[in-house]
Amino acid sequence: MSFNKLKLSSWLLSTCEKIKYHTPTNIQALAIPSILQKQSVIINSETGSGKTAAFGLPLLNQLSKDPYSIFAVIVAPSL
């Protein structure tokens, strides 16, 4: 699978290509379509599995449409 099949914006796909980010991880392939459909998503996956991009790419995709709105809440654990 490629990021093209996840229906991200063309500018974001181009950026992924430039940084040699070609293939989504399993967690990204599962989460990105739901996030793009504005569904709530909770991910529990091991370190290095691509969780940050699974949330970050759809956020950037949406932000590019209206860079002045607030549309996400990010919760991260801390010690």
PDB file of N, CA and C in Angstrom:
ATOM      1  N   MET A   1       0.850  -1.182   0.000  1.00  0.00           N
ATOM      2  CA  MET A   1       0.000   0.000   0.000  1.00  0.00           C
ATOM      3  C   MET A   1       0.890   1.238   0.000  1.00  0.00           C
ATOM      4  N   SER A   2       0.374   2.301  -0.589  1.00  0.00           N
ATOM      5  CA  SER A   2       1.098   3.571  -0.574  1.00  0.00           C
ATOM      6  C   SER A   2       0.218   4.634   0.077  1.00  0.00           C
ATOM      7  N   PHE A   3       0.820   5.766   0.396  1.00  0.00           N
ATOM      8  CA  PHE A   3       0.067   6.870   0.986  1.00  0.00           C
ATOM      9  C   PHE A   3      -0.988   7.400   0.014  1.00  0.00           C
ATOM     10  N   ASN A   4      -0.776   7.210  -1.305  1.00  0.00           N
ATOM     11  CA  ASN A   4      -1.757   7.663  -2.298  1.00  0.00           C
ATOM     12  C   ASN A   4      -3.140   7.079  -2.039  1.00  0.00           C
ATOM     13  N   LYS A   5      -3.197   5.855  -1.584  1.00  0.00           N
ATOM     14  CA  LYS A   5      -4.478   5.182  -1.345  1.00  0.00           C
ATOM     15  C   LYS A   5      -5.185   5.686  -0.095  1.00  0.00           C
ATOM     16  N   LEU A   6      -4.494   6.477   0.724  1.00  0.00           N
ATOM     17  CA  LEU A   6      -5.090   6.979   1.970  1.00  0.00           C
ATOM     18  C   LEU A   6      -5.815   8.303   1.780  1.00  0.00           C
ATOM     19  N   LYS A   7      -5.807   8.830   0.561  1.00  0.00           N
ATOM     20  CA  LYS A   7      -6.555  10.045   0.206  1.00  0.00           C
ATOM     21  C   LYS A   7      -6.101  11.297   0.956  1.00  0.00           C
ATOM     22  N   LEU A   8      -4.786  11.437   1.092  1.00  0.00           N
ATOM     23  CA  LEU A   8      -4.218  12.655   1.659  1.00  0.00           C
ATOM     24  C   LEU A   8      -4.102  13.703   0.555  1.00  0.00           C
ATOM     25  N   SER A   9      -3.976  14.960   0.933  1.00  0.00           N
ATOM     26  CA  SER A   9      -3.829  16.059  -0.026  1.00  0.00           C
ATOM     27  C   SER A   9      -2.595  15.846  -0.898  1.00  0.00           C
ATOM     28  N   SER A  10      -2.670  16.370  -2.117  1.00  0.00           N
ATOM     29  CA  SER A  10      -1.550  16.195  -3.050  1.00  0.00           C
ATOM     30  C   SER A  10      -0.262  16.817  -2.523  1.00  0.00           C
ATOM     31  N   TRP A  11      -0.361  17.974  -1.842  1.00  0.00           N
ATOM     32  CA  TRP A  11       0.853  18.615  -1.322  1.00  0.00           C
ATOM     33  C   TRP A  11       1.481  17.755  -0.232  1.00  0.00           C
ATOM     34  N   LEU A  12       0.647  17.062   0.546  1.00  0.00           N
ATOM     35  CA  LEU A  12       1.153  16.214   1.625  1.00  0.00           C
ATOM     36  C   LEU A  12       1.778  14.946   1.047  1.00  0.00           C
ATOM     37  N   LEU A  13       1.160  14.389   0.020  1.00  0.00           N
ATOM     38  CA  LEU A  13       1.741  13.228  -0.660  1.00  0.00           C
ATOM     39  C   LEU A  13       3.083  13.589  -1.279  1.00  0.00           C
ATOM     40  N   SER A  14       3.170  14.771  -1.871  1.00  0.00           N
ATOM     41  CA  SER A  14       4.420  15.234  -2.464  1.00  0.00           C
ATOM     42  C   SER A  14       5.502  15.395  -1.403  1.00  0.00           C
ATOM     43  N   THR A  15       5.111  15.944  -0.263  1.00  0.00           N
ATOM     44  CA  THR A  15       6.062  16.118   0.838  1.00  0.00           C
ATOM     45  C   THR A  15       6.548  14.777   1.350  1.00  0.00           C
ATOM     46  N   CYS A  16       5.646  13.829   1.515  1.00  0.00           N
ATOM     47  CA  CYS A  16       6.041  12.480   1.959  1.00  0.00           C
ATOM     48  C   CYS A  16       7.030  11.869   0.970  1.00  0.00           C
ATOM     49  N   GLU A  17       6.759  12.051  -0.313  1.00  0.00           N
ATOM     50  CA  GLU A  17       7.647  11.521  -1.352  1.00  0.00           C
ATOM     51  C   GLU A  17       9.038  12.149  -1.244  1.00  0.00           C
ATOM     52  N   LYS A  18       9.087  13.458  -1.032  1.00  0.00           N
ATOM     53  CA  LYS A  18      10.372  14.167  -0.943  1.00  0.00           C
ATOM     54  C   LYS A  18      11.216  13.693   0.227  1.00  0.00           C
ATOM     55  N   ILE A  19      10.558  13.338   1.325  1.00  0.00           N
ATOM     56  CA  ILE A  19      11.322  12.877   2.499  1.00  0.00           C
ATOM     57  C   ILE A  19      11.446  11.348   2.535  1.00  0.00           C
ATOM     58  N   LYS A  20      11.098  10.732   1.384  1.00  0.00           N
ATOM     59  CA  LYS A  20      11.229   9.289   1.205  1.00  0.00           C
ATOM     60  C   LYS A  20      10.376   8.495   2.199  1.00  0.00           C
ATOM     61  N   TYR A  21       9.194   8.996   2.419  1.00  0.00           N
ATOM     62  CA  TYR A  21       8.206   8.357   3.285  1.00  0.00           C
ATOM     63  C   TYR A  21       7.173   7.744   2.336  1.00  0.00           C
ATOM     64  N   HIS A  22       7.403   6.496   1.893  1.00  0.00           N
ATOM     65  CA  HIS A  22       6.643   5.915   0.795  1.00  0.00           C
ATOM     66  C   HIS A  22       5.487   5.018   1.223  1.00  0.00           C
ATOM     67  N   THR A  23       5.703   4.228   2.238  1.00  0.00           N
ATOM     68  CA  THR A  23       4.728   3.199   2.598  1.00  0.00           C
ATOM     69  C   THR A  23       4.242   3.397   4.023  1.00  0.00           C
ATOM     70  N   PRO A  24       2.926   3.485   4.226  1.00  0.00           N
ATOM     71  CA  PRO A  24       2.419   3.621   5.595  1.00  0.00           C
ATOM     72  C   PRO A  24       2.627   2.338   6.391  1.00  0.00           C
ATOM     73  N   THR A  25       2.865   2.511   7.674  1.00  0.00           N
ATOM     74  CA  THR A  25       2.945   1.352   8.553  1.00  0.00           C
ATOM     75  C   THR A  25       1.531   0.798   8.748  1.00  0.00           C
ATOM     76  N   ASN A  26       1.439  -0.359   9.362  1.00  0.00           N
ATOM     77  CA  ASN A  26       0.120  -0.967   9.597  1.00  0.00           C
ATOM     78  C   ASN A  26      -0.795  -0.039  10.384  1.00  0.00           C
ATOM     79  N   ILE A  27      -0.267   0.580  11.430  1.00  0.00           N
ATOM     80  CA  ILE A  27      -1.103   1.447  12.270  1.00  0.00           C
ATOM     81  C   ILE A  27      -1.552   2.676  11.490  1.00  0.00           C
ATOM     82  N   GLN A  28      -0.705   3.198  10.619  1.00  0.00           N
ATOM     83  CA  GLN A  28      -1.075   4.349   9.792  1.00  0.00           C
ATOM     84  C   GLN A  28      -2.158   3.969   8.780  1.00  0.00           C
ATOM     85  N   ALA A  29      -2.004   2.814   8.155  1.00  0.00           N
ATOM     86  CA  ALA A  29      -2.994   2.356   7.177  1.00  0.00           C
ATOM     87  C   ALA A  29      -4.354   2.124   7.836  1.00  0.00           C
ATOM     88  N   LEU A  30      -4.353   1.718   9.092  1.00  0.00           N
ATOM     89  CA  LEU A  30      -5.609   1.498   9.810  1.00  0.00           C
ATOM     90  C   LEU A  30      -6.226   2.795  10.322  1.00  0.00           C
ATOM     91  N   ALA A  31      -5.399   3.704  10.822  1.00  0.00           N
ATOM     92  CA  ALA A  31      -5.909   4.892  11.508  1.00  0.00           C
ATOM     93  C   ALA A  31      -6.213   6.073  10.585  1.00  0.00           C
ATOM     94  N   ILE A  32      -5.377   6.321   9.595  1.00  0.00           N
ATOM     95  CA  ILE A  32      -5.515   7.532   8.781  1.00  0.00           C
ATOM     96  C   ILE A  32      -6.879   7.645   8.099  1.00  0.00           C
ATOM     97  N   PRO A  33      -7.405   6.594   7.472  1.00  0.00           N
ATOM     98  CA  PRO A  33      -8.731   6.741   6.850  1.00  0.00           C
ATOM     99  C   PRO A  33      -9.828   7.142   7.845  1.00  0.00           C
ATOM    100  N   SER A  34      -9.812   6.571   9.029  1.00  0.00           N
ATOM    101  CA  SER A  34     -10.812   6.927  10.043  1.00  0.00           C
ATOM    102  C   SER A  34     -10.652   8.358  10.511  1.00  0.00           C
ATOM    103  N   ILE A  35      -9.424   8.787  10.709  1.00  0.00           N
ATOM    104  CA  ILE A  35      -9.171  10.159  11.149  1.00  0.00           C
ATOM    105  C   ILE A  35      -9.605  11.148  10.070  1.00  0.00           C
ATOM    106  N   LEU A  36      -9.339  10.819   8.807  1.00  0.00           N
ATOM    107  CA  LEU A  36      -9.755  11.697   7.712  1.00  0.00           C
ATOM    108  C   LEU A  36     -11.279  11.796   7.613  1.00  0.00           C
ATOM    109  N   GLN A  37     -11.970  10.777   8.106  1.00  0.00           N
ATOM    110  CA  GLN A  37     -13.433  10.806   8.141  1.00  0.00           C
ATOM    111  C   GLN A  37     -13.951  11.448   9.431  1.00  0.00           C
ATOM    112  N   LYS A  38     -13.029  12.065  10.172  1.00  0.00           N
ATOM    113  CA  LYS A  38     -13.336  12.795  11.410  1.00  0.00           C
ATOM    114  C   LYS A  38     -13.921  11.906  12.498  1.00  0.00           C
ATOM    115  N   GLN A  39     -13.478  10.674  12.540  1.00  0.00           N
ATOM    116  CA  GLN A  39     -13.866   9.769  13.609  1.00  0.00           C
ATOM    117  C   GLN A  39     -12.838   9.868  14.729  1.00  0.00           C
ATOM    118  N   SER A  40     -13.277   9.637  15.945  1.00  0.00           N
ATOM    119  CA  SER A  40     -12.350   9.602  17.074  1.00  0.00           C
ATOM    120  C   SER A  40     -11.558   8.309  17.005  1.00  0.00           C
ATOM    121  N   VAL A  41     -10.260   8.418  17.257  1.00  0.00           N
ATOM    122  CA  VAL A  41      -9.381   7.256  17.166  1.00  0.00           C
ATOM    123  C   VAL A  41      -8.468   7.222  18.376  1.00  0.00           C
ATOM    124  N   ILE A  42      -8.338   6.051  18.975  1.00  0.00           N
ATOM    125  CA  ILE A  42      -7.374   5.822  20.051  1.00  0.00           C
ATOM    126  C   ILE A  42      -6.441   4.717  19.571  1.00  0.00           C
ATOM    127  N   ILE A  43      -5.146   4.974  19.699  1.00  0.00           N
ATOM    128  CA  ILE A  43      -4.154   4.011  19.223  1.00  0.00           C
ATOM    129  C   ILE A  43      -3.300   3.542  20.388  1.00  0.00           C
ATOM    130  N   ASN A  44      -3.089   2.244  20.441  1.00  0.00           N
ATOM    131  CA  ASN A  44      -2.173   1.644  21.398  1.00  0.00           C
ATOM    132  C   ASN A  44      -1.247   0.759  20.583  1.00  0.00           C
ATOM    133  N   SER A  45      -0.006   1.197  20.423  1.00  0.00           N
ATOM    134  CA  SER A  45       0.929   0.471  19.585  1.00  0.00           C
ATOM    135  C   SER A  45       2.338   0.699  20.100  1.00  0.00           C
ATOM    136  N   GLU A  46       3.226  -0.190  19.731  1.00  0.00           N
ATOM    137  CA  GLU A  46       4.596  -0.118  20.234  1.00  0.00           C
ATOM    138  C   GLU A  46       5.343   1.109  19.705  1.00  0.00           C
ATOM    139  N   THR A  47       6.381   1.474  20.402  1.00  0.00           N
ATOM    140  CA  THR A  47       7.245   2.576  20.007  1.00  0.00           C
ATOM    141  C   THR A  47       7.843   2.285  18.629  1.00  0.00           C
ATOM    142  N   GLY A  48       7.847   3.285  17.780  1.00  0.00           N
ATOM    143  CA  GLY A  48       8.413   3.137  16.448  1.00  0.00           C
ATOM    144  C   GLY A  48       7.446   2.604  15.412  1.00  0.00           C
ATOM    145  N   SER A  49       6.177   2.469  15.777  1.00  0.00           N
ATOM    146  CA  SER A  49       5.198   1.890  14.855  1.00  0.00           C
ATOM    147  C   SER A  49       4.565   2.925  13.932  1.00  0.00           C
ATOM    148  N   GLY A  50       4.821   4.213  14.156  1.00  0.00           N
ATOM    149  CA  GLY A  50       4.286   5.244  13.281  1.00  0.00           C
ATOM    150  C   GLY A  50       3.069   5.960  13.828  1.00  0.00           C
ATOM    151  N   LYS A  51       2.870   5.903  15.133  1.00  0.00           N
ATOM    152  CA  LYS A  51       1.694   6.549  15.739  1.00  0.00           C
ATOM    153  C   LYS A  51       1.676   8.058  15.509  1.00  0.00           C
ATOM    154  N   THR A  52       2.806   8.702  15.645  1.00  0.00           N
ATOM    155  CA  THR A  52       2.847  10.164  15.500  1.00  0.00           C
ATOM    156  C   THR A  52       2.399  10.586  14.108  1.00  0.00           C
ATOM    157  N   ALA A  53       2.906   9.926  13.081  1.00  0.00           N
ATOM    158  CA  ALA A  53       2.488  10.254  11.716  1.00  0.00           C
ATOM    159  C   ALA A  53       1.035   9.840  11.469  1.00  0.00           C
ATOM    160  N   ALA A  54       0.574   8.789  12.134  1.00  0.00           N
ATOM    161  CA  ALA A  54      -0.823   8.361  11.974  1.00  0.00           C
ATOM    162  C   ALA A  54      -1.775   9.474  12.384  1.00  0.00           C
ATOM    163  N   PHE A  55      -1.407  10.241  13.381  1.00  0.00           N
ATOM    164  CA  PHE A  55      -2.221  11.386  13.794  1.00  0.00           C
ATOM    165  C   PHE A  55      -1.790  12.669  13.077  1.00  0.00           C
ATOM    166  N   GLY A  56      -0.485  12.842  12.912  1.00  0.00           N
ATOM    167  CA  GLY A  56       0.044  14.091  12.367  1.00  0.00           C
ATOM    168  C   GLY A  56      -0.304  14.338  10.910  1.00  0.00           C
ATOM    169  N   LEU A  57      -0.237  13.319  10.080  1.00  0.00           N
ATOM    170  CA  LEU A  57      -0.541  13.527   8.660  1.00  0.00           C
ATOM    171  C   LEU A  57      -1.987  13.966   8.428  1.00  0.00           C
ATOM    172  N   PRO A  58      -2.978  13.322   9.036  1.00  0.00           N
ATOM    173  CA  PRO A  58      -4.351  13.820   8.854  1.00  0.00           C
ATOM    174  C   PRO A  58      -4.563  15.216   9.448  1.00  0.00           C
ATOM    175  N   LEU A  59      -3.872  15.521  10.549  1.00  0.00           N
ATOM    176  CA  LEU A  59      -3.989  16.866  11.122  1.00  0.00           C
ATOM    177  C   LEU A  59      -3.443  17.914  10.157  1.00  0.00           C
ATOM    178  N   LEU A  60      -2.285  17.654   9.573  1.00  0.00           N
ATOM    179  CA  LEU A  60      -1.715  18.577   8.593  1.00  0.00           C
ATOM    180  C   LEU A  60      -2.606  18.686   7.361  1.00  0.00           C
ATOM    181  N   ASN A  61      -3.174  17.566   6.964  1.00  0.00           N
ATOM    182  CA  ASN A  61      -4.090  17.537   5.820  1.00  0.00           C
ATOM    183  C   ASN A  61      -5.261  18.489   6.056  1.00  0.00           C
ATOM    184  N   GLN A  62      -5.845  18.429   7.238  1.00  0.00           N
ATOM    185  CA  GLN A  62      -6.989  19.277   7.568  1.00  0.00           C
ATOM    186  C   GLN A  62      -6.558  20.728   7.804  1.00  0.00           C
ATOM    187  N   LEU A  63      -5.437  20.912   8.472  1.00  0.00           N
ATOM    188  CA  LEU A  63      -4.955  22.260   8.772  1.00  0.00           C
ATOM    189  C   LEU A  63      -4.727  23.066   7.497  1.00  0.00           C
ATOM    190  N   SER A  64      -4.295  22.415   6.446  1.00  0.00           N
ATOM    191  CA  SER A  64      -4.033  23.129   5.197  1.00  0.00           C
ATOM    192  C   SER A  64      -5.303  23.719   4.594  1.00  0.00           C
ATOM    193  N   LYS A  65      -6.457  23.178   4.944  1.00  0.00           N
ATOM    194  CA  LYS A  65      -7.725  23.690   4.431  1.00  0.00           C
ATOM    195  C   LYS A  65      -8.151  24.971   5.142  1.00  0.00           C
ATOM    196  N   ASP A  66      -7.876  25.062   6.431  1.00  0.00           N
ATOM    197  CA  ASP A  66      -8.228  26.249   7.219  1.00  0.00           C
ATOM    198  C   ASP A  66      -7.207  26.396   8.348  1.00  0.00           C
ATOM    199  N   PRO A  67      -6.087  27.065   8.080  1.00  0.00           N
ATOM    200  CA  PRO A  67      -5.004  27.119   9.063  1.00  0.00           C
ATOM    201  C   PRO A  67      -5.306  27.959  10.305  1.00  0.00           C
ATOM    202  N   TYR A  68      -6.508  28.520  10.415  1.00  0.00           N
ATOM    203  CA  TYR A  68      -6.826  29.369  11.556  1.00  0.00           C
ATOM    204  C   TYR A  68      -7.847  28.766  12.499  1.00  0.00           C
ATOM    205  N   SER A  69      -8.275  27.549  12.225  1.00  0.00           N
ATOM    206  CA  SER A  69      -9.273  26.931  13.095  1.00  0.00           C
ATOM    207  C   SER A  69      -8.607  25.996  14.107  1.00  0.00           C
ATOM    208  N   ILE A  70      -9.354  25.613  15.108  1.00  0.00           N
ATOM    209  CA  ILE A  70      -8.905  24.619  16.087  1.00  0.00           C
ATOM    210  C   ILE A  70      -9.750  23.376  15.840  1.00  0.00           C
ATOM    211  N   PHE A  71      -9.111  22.247  15.642  1.00  0.00           N
ATOM    212  CA  PHE A  71      -9.887  21.062  15.298  1.00  0.00           C
ATOM    213  C   PHE A  71      -9.342  19.782  15.894  1.00  0.00           C
ATOM    214  N   ALA A  72      -8.376  19.865  16.800  1.00  0.00           N
ATOM    215  CA  ALA A  72      -7.805  18.649  17.361  1.00  0.00           C
ATOM    216  C   ALA A  72      -7.407  18.868  18.810  1.00  0.00           C
ATOM    217  N   VAL A  73      -7.531  17.827  19.570  1.00  0.00           N
ATOM    218  CA  VAL A  73      -7.017  17.808  20.934  1.00  0.00           C
ATOM    219  C   VAL A  73      -6.030  16.652  20.984  1.00  0.00           C
ATOM    220  N   ILE A  74      -4.825  16.945  21.409  1.00  0.00           N
ATOM    221  CA  ILE A  74      -3.785  15.908  21.499  1.00  0.00           C
ATOM    222  C   ILE A  74      -3.486  15.678  22.968  1.00  0.00           C
ATOM    223  N   VAL A  75      -3.631  14.430  23.380  1.00  0.00           N
ATOM    224  CA  VAL A  75      -3.371  14.055  24.768  1.00  0.00           C
ATOM    225  C   VAL A  75      -2.154  13.137  24.763  1.00  0.00           C
ATOM    226  N   ALA A  76      -1.147  13.506  25.540  1.00  0.00           N
ATOM    227  CA  ALA A  76       0.074  12.696  25.603  1.00  0.00           C
ATOM    228  C   ALA A  76       0.445  12.468  27.063  1.00  0.00           C
ATOM    229  N   PRO A  77       0.788  11.256  27.418  1.00  0.00           N
ATOM    230  CA  PRO A  77       1.163  10.991  28.813  1.00  0.00           C
ATOM    231  C   PRO A  77       2.513  11.610  29.139  1.00  0.00           C
ATOM    232  N   SER A  78       2.693  11.945  30.382  1.00  0.00           N
ATOM    233  CA  SER A  78       3.996  12.443  30.841  1.00  0.00           C
ATOM    234  C   SER A  78       4.257  11.867  32.218  1.00  0.00           C
ATOM    235  N   LEU A  79       5.497  11.836  32.584  1.00  0.00           N
ATOM    236  CA  LEU A  79       5.872  11.283  33.894  1.00  0.00           C
ATOM    237  C   LEU A  79       6.127  12.382  34.887  1.00  0.00           C
TER     238      LEU A  79
END
